[in-house]
Amino acid sequence: MKHAGKETLTKIEPILKYLRQIPGTVERTPGCFYRGSSGFAHFHEDPAGIFADVKLNGKSFVRLRVSTKREQTQFLKAVKESLKVRTFSSRR
């Protein structure tokens, strides 16, 4: 499974736009996001679809399909929830 190219990244632009707005998140190369010195999310293209590898728990990547609008919405919801949990628990 190869990293997503320019054409594929264009198809998931709403996701990229959201990730770019997260404080502390940096897009080091197109479609590859870091939080601090650690990778946070990147994307792959495959005949089976478009996939995101994302660290929802802050530690290890999980792979989620993001080919359809519904899958993209679910991905964004999962990212938002994971950031709320990690932000809350880091304040303790």
N, C-alpha and C. Protein backbone atom coordinates (compact mmCIF):
# COMPACT_ATOMS: atom_id res chain seq x y z
N MET A 1 0.87 -1.18 0.00
CA MET A 1 0.00 0.00 0.00
C MET A 1 0.90 1.23 0.00
N LYS A 2 0.77 2.06 -1.02
CA LYS A 2 1.65 3.22 -1.12
C LYS A 2 1.02 4.46 -0.50
N HIS A 3 1.88 5.40 -0.12
CA HIS A 3 1.39 6.67 0.41
C HIS A 3 0.56 7.37 -0.66
N ALA A 4 -0.44 8.10 -0.21
CA ALA A 4 -1.36 8.79 -1.11
C ALA A 4 -0.63 9.86 -1.92
N GLY A 5 -0.91 9.88 -3.21
CA GLY A 5 -0.36 10.90 -4.10
C GLY A 5 -1.25 12.13 -4.14
N LYS A 6 -0.81 13.10 -4.92
CA LYS A 6 -1.51 14.39 -5.00
C LYS A 6 -2.98 14.24 -5.39
N GLU A 7 -3.28 13.41 -6.37
CA GLU A 7 -4.66 13.22 -6.83
C GLU A 7 -5.53 12.64 -5.72
N THR A 8 -5.01 11.67 -5.01
CA THR A 8 -5.76 11.05 -3.92
C THR A 8 -5.96 12.03 -2.78
N LEU A 9 -4.94 12.80 -2.45
CA LEU A 9 -5.07 13.79 -1.37
C LEU A 9 -6.13 14.83 -1.70
N THR A 10 -6.29 15.16 -2.97
CA THR A 10 -7.33 16.10 -3.39
C THR A 10 -8.72 15.56 -3.05
N LYS A 11 -8.89 14.25 -3.14
CA LYS A 11 -10.19 13.62 -2.84
C LYS A 11 -10.55 13.68 -1.37
N ILE A 12 -9.55 13.84 -0.50
CA ILE A 12 -9.82 13.88 0.95
C ILE A 12 -9.47 15.25 1.54
N GLU A 13 -9.56 16.27 0.72
CA GLU A 13 -9.21 17.63 1.14
C GLU A 13 -9.93 18.09 2.41
N PRO A 14 -11.22 17.77 2.62
CA PRO A 14 -11.87 18.19 3.88
C PRO A 14 -11.16 17.63 5.12
N ILE A 15 -10.67 16.42 5.04
CA ILE A 15 -9.93 15.83 6.16
C ILE A 15 -8.63 16.61 6.37
N LEU A 16 -7.91 16.85 5.29
CA LEU A 16 -6.63 17.55 5.40
C LEU A 16 -6.83 18.95 5.97
N LYS A 17 -7.86 19.62 5.51
CA LYS A 17 -8.16 20.97 5.99
C LYS A 17 -8.41 20.95 7.50
N TYR A 18 -9.16 19.98 7.98
CA TYR A 18 -9.42 19.88 9.42
C TYR A 18 -8.13 19.61 10.19
N LEU A 19 -7.33 18.64 9.73
CA LEU A 19 -6.10 18.29 10.43
C LEU A 19 -5.13 19.47 10.49
N ARG A 20 -5.09 20.28 9.45
CA ARG A 20 -4.21 21.45 9.42
C ARG A 20 -4.59 22.49 10.48
N GLN A 21 -5.84 22.48 10.92
CA GLN A 21 -6.32 23.47 11.89
C GLN A 21 -6.13 23.02 13.34
N ILE A 22 -5.70 21.82 13.58
CA ILE A 22 -5.53 21.33 14.95
C ILE A 22 -4.27 21.95 15.54
N PRO A 23 -4.40 22.69 16.65
CA PRO A 23 -3.21 23.28 17.28
C PRO A 23 -2.18 22.19 17.63
N GLY A 24 -0.92 22.49 17.34
CA GLY A 24 0.14 21.54 17.64
C GLY A 24 0.37 20.49 16.58
N THR A 25 -0.40 20.53 15.51
CA THR A 25 -0.26 19.57 14.42
C THR A 25 0.43 20.25 13.24
N VAL A 26 1.43 19.58 12.68
CA VAL A 26 2.19 20.13 11.56
C VAL A 26 2.16 19.13 10.41
N GLU A 27 1.92 19.63 9.22
CA GLU A 27 1.95 18.81 8.01
C GLU A 27 3.35 18.93 7.42
N ARG A 28 4.21 17.95 7.70
CA ARG A 28 5.61 18.04 7.28
C ARG A 28 5.78 17.80 5.78
N THR A 29 5.03 16.88 5.24
CA THR A 29 4.96 16.66 3.80
C THR A 29 3.48 16.52 3.47
N PRO A 30 3.09 16.71 2.22
CA PRO A 30 1.65 16.64 1.91
C PRO A 30 0.99 15.35 2.42
N GLY A 31 0.00 15.53 3.30
CA GLY A 31 -0.76 14.40 3.82
C GLY A 31 -0.12 13.66 4.98
N CYS A 32 1.03 14.13 5.48
CA CYS A 32 1.71 13.48 6.61
C CYS A 32 1.78 14.46 7.78
N PHE A 33 1.02 14.15 8.83
CA PHE A 33 0.87 15.06 9.96
C PHE A 33 1.59 14.55 11.20
N TYR A 34 2.18 15.48 11.91
CA TYR A 34 2.90 15.18 13.16
C TYR A 34 2.32 16.02 14.28
N ARG A 35 2.39 15.47 15.47
CA ARG A 35 2.10 16.21 16.70
C ARG A 35 3.37 16.10 17.52
N GLY A 36 4.04 17.22 17.70
CA GLY A 36 5.37 17.20 18.32
C GLY A 36 6.32 16.49 17.37
N SER A 37 7.11 15.58 17.90
CA SER A 37 8.08 14.87 17.05
C SER A 37 7.54 13.53 16.56
N SER A 38 6.30 13.24 16.89
CA SER A 38 5.72 11.93 16.57
C SER A 38 4.70 12.03 15.44
N GLY A 39 4.74 11.06 14.54
CA GLY A 39 3.74 10.98 13.49
C GLY A 39 2.35 10.85 14.07
N PHE A 40 1.38 11.52 13.46
CA PHE A 40 0.00 11.48 13.95
C PHE A 40 -0.95 10.86 12.93
N ALA A 41 -0.82 11.26 11.67
CA ALA A 41 -1.72 10.73 10.63
C ALA A 41 -1.05 10.83 9.27
N HIS A 42 -1.30 9.83 8.44
CA HIS A 42 -0.89 9.86 7.04
C HIS A 42 -1.86 8.98 6.25
N PHE A 43 -1.77 9.05 4.93
CA PHE A 43 -2.78 8.43 4.09
C PHE A 43 -2.14 7.54 3.03
N HIS A 44 -2.90 6.49 2.66
CA HIS A 44 -2.45 5.53 1.67
C HIS A 44 -3.52 5.37 0.59
N GLU A 45 -3.06 5.01 -0.60
CA GLU A 45 -4.00 4.66 -1.67
C GLU A 45 -3.74 3.22 -2.07
N ASP A 46 -4.81 2.54 -2.42
CA ASP A 46 -4.77 1.13 -2.71
C ASP A 46 -5.96 0.83 -3.63
N PRO A 47 -5.91 -0.24 -4.42
CA PRO A 47 -7.09 -0.58 -5.22
C PRO A 47 -8.35 -0.75 -4.36
N ALA A 48 -8.18 -1.07 -3.08
CA ALA A 48 -9.33 -1.23 -2.19
C ALA A 48 -9.86 0.10 -1.66
N GLY A 49 -9.14 1.20 -1.92
CA GLY A 49 -9.62 2.50 -1.47
C GLY A 49 -8.54 3.37 -0.88
N ILE A 50 -8.98 4.42 -0.20
CA ILE A 50 -8.09 5.36 0.48
C ILE A 50 -8.15 5.02 1.97
N PHE A 51 -6.99 4.99 2.60
CA PHE A 51 -6.91 4.63 4.01
C PHE A 51 -6.09 5.66 4.78
N ALA A 52 -6.46 5.85 6.04
CA ALA A 52 -5.71 6.72 6.94
C ALA A 52 -5.09 5.87 8.02
N ASP A 53 -3.83 6.13 8.32
CA ASP A 53 -3.20 5.58 9.50
C ASP A 53 -3.14 6.74 10.49
N VAL A 54 -3.74 6.55 11.66
CA VAL A 54 -3.84 7.64 12.63
C VAL A 54 -3.64 7.08 14.04
N LYS A 55 -3.01 7.88 14.89
CA LYS A 55 -2.79 7.50 16.29
C LYS A 55 -3.92 8.07 17.14
N LEU A 56 -5.01 7.35 17.20
CA LEU A 56 -6.15 7.81 18.00
C LEU A 56 -5.87 7.75 19.49
N ASN A 57 -5.00 6.82 19.89
CA ASN A 57 -4.65 6.69 21.31
C ASN A 57 -3.35 7.42 21.64
N GLY A 58 -2.77 8.09 20.65
CA GLY A 58 -1.53 8.81 20.86
C GLY A 58 -0.28 7.94 20.85
N LYS A 59 -0.45 6.63 20.70
CA LYS A 59 0.69 5.71 20.80
C LYS A 59 0.92 4.88 19.56
N SER A 60 -0.13 4.25 19.03
CA SER A 60 0.05 3.35 17.90
C SER A 60 -0.98 3.66 16.81
N PHE A 61 -0.56 3.42 15.57
CA PHE A 61 -1.42 3.70 14.44
C PHE A 61 -2.51 2.65 14.29
N VAL A 62 -3.69 3.12 13.92
CA VAL A 62 -4.77 2.25 13.47
C VAL A 62 -5.10 2.67 12.05
N ARG A 63 -5.54 1.74 11.25
CA ARG A 63 -5.86 2.03 9.84
C ARG A 63 -7.38 2.10 9.68
N LEU A 64 -7.83 3.22 9.11
CA LEU A 64 -9.25 3.44 8.86
C LEU A 64 -9.45 3.77 7.39
N ARG A 65 -10.49 3.21 6.80
CA ARG A 65 -10.82 3.50 5.41
C ARG A 65 -11.49 4.87 5.34
N VAL A 66 -11.09 5.71 4.38
CA VAL A 66 -11.64 7.06 4.23
C VAL A 66 -12.02 7.36 2.78
N SER A 67 -12.49 6.35 2.09
CA SER A 67 -12.83 6.51 0.66
C SER A 67 -14.14 7.26 0.43
N THR A 68 -15.14 7.01 1.25
CA THR A 68 -16.45 7.62 1.05
C THR A 68 -16.65 8.80 2.00
N LYS A 69 -17.62 9.63 1.70
CA LYS A 69 -17.94 10.77 2.58
C LYS A 69 -18.31 10.28 3.98
N ARG A 70 -19.04 9.19 4.05
CA ARG A 70 -19.42 8.65 5.35
C ARG A 70 -18.19 8.20 6.15
N GLU A 71 -17.28 7.51 5.48
CA GLU A 71 -16.05 7.07 6.15
C GLU A 71 -15.20 8.27 6.59
N GLN A 72 -15.19 9.31 5.78
CA GLN A 72 -14.44 10.51 6.14
C GLN A 72 -15.06 11.19 7.36
N THR A 73 -16.38 11.23 7.41
CA THR A 73 -17.07 11.80 8.56
C THR A 73 -16.77 10.99 9.82
N GLN A 74 -16.80 9.67 9.71
CA GLN A 74 -16.48 8.81 10.85
C GLN A 74 -15.04 9.01 11.30
N PHE A 75 -14.12 9.16 10.35
CA PHE A 75 -12.72 9.40 10.67
C PHE A 75 -12.58 10.70 11.46
N LEU A 76 -13.20 11.77 10.97
CA LEU A 76 -13.08 13.06 11.65
C LEU A 76 -13.68 13.01 13.05
N LYS A 77 -14.78 12.31 13.20
CA LYS A 77 -15.40 12.16 14.51
C LYS A 77 -14.45 11.42 15.47
N ALA A 78 -13.82 10.37 14.99
CA ALA A 78 -12.88 9.61 15.81
C ALA A 78 -11.68 10.46 16.21
N VAL A 79 -11.16 11.26 15.28
CA VAL A 79 -10.03 12.14 15.59
C VAL A 79 -10.43 13.17 16.63
N LYS A 80 -11.59 13.81 16.45
CA LYS A 80 -12.06 14.82 17.41
C LYS A 80 -12.20 14.22 18.79
N GLU A 81 -12.80 13.03 18.89
CA GLU A 81 -12.97 12.37 20.18
C GLU A 81 -11.63 12.03 20.82
N SER A 82 -10.69 11.53 20.02
CA SER A 82 -9.40 11.14 20.58
C SER A 82 -8.64 12.35 21.10
N LEU A 83 -8.76 13.48 20.43
CA LEU A 83 -8.07 14.68 20.89
C LEU A 83 -8.69 15.23 22.16
N LYS A 84 -10.00 15.12 22.30
CA LYS A 84 -10.66 15.55 23.54
C LYS A 84 -10.18 14.71 24.71
N VAL A 85 -10.14 13.41 24.52
CA VAL A 85 -9.74 12.51 25.60
C VAL A 85 -8.29 12.78 26.00
N ARG A 86 -7.40 12.88 25.02
CA ARG A 86 -5.99 13.09 25.33
C ARG A 86 -5.76 14.46 25.93
N THR A 87 -6.48 15.48 25.49
CA THR A 87 -6.33 16.81 26.06
C THR A 87 -6.78 16.80 27.51
N PHE A 88 -7.91 16.14 27.78
CA PHE A 88 -8.43 16.09 29.14
C PHE A 88 -7.47 15.32 30.05
N SER A 89 -7.02 14.16 29.62
CA SER A 89 -6.18 13.35 30.49
C SER A 89 -4.79 13.95 30.67
N SER A 90 -4.34 14.79 29.76
CA SER A 90 -3.02 15.40 29.91
C SER A 90 -3.06 16.56 30.92
N ARG A 91 -4.24 17.01 31.28
CA ARG A 91 -4.37 18.11 32.25
C ARG A 91 -4.28 17.62 33.69
N ARG A 92 -4.37 16.36 33.91
CA ARG A 92 -4.36 15.82 35.29
C ARG A 92 -3.01 15.94 35.91
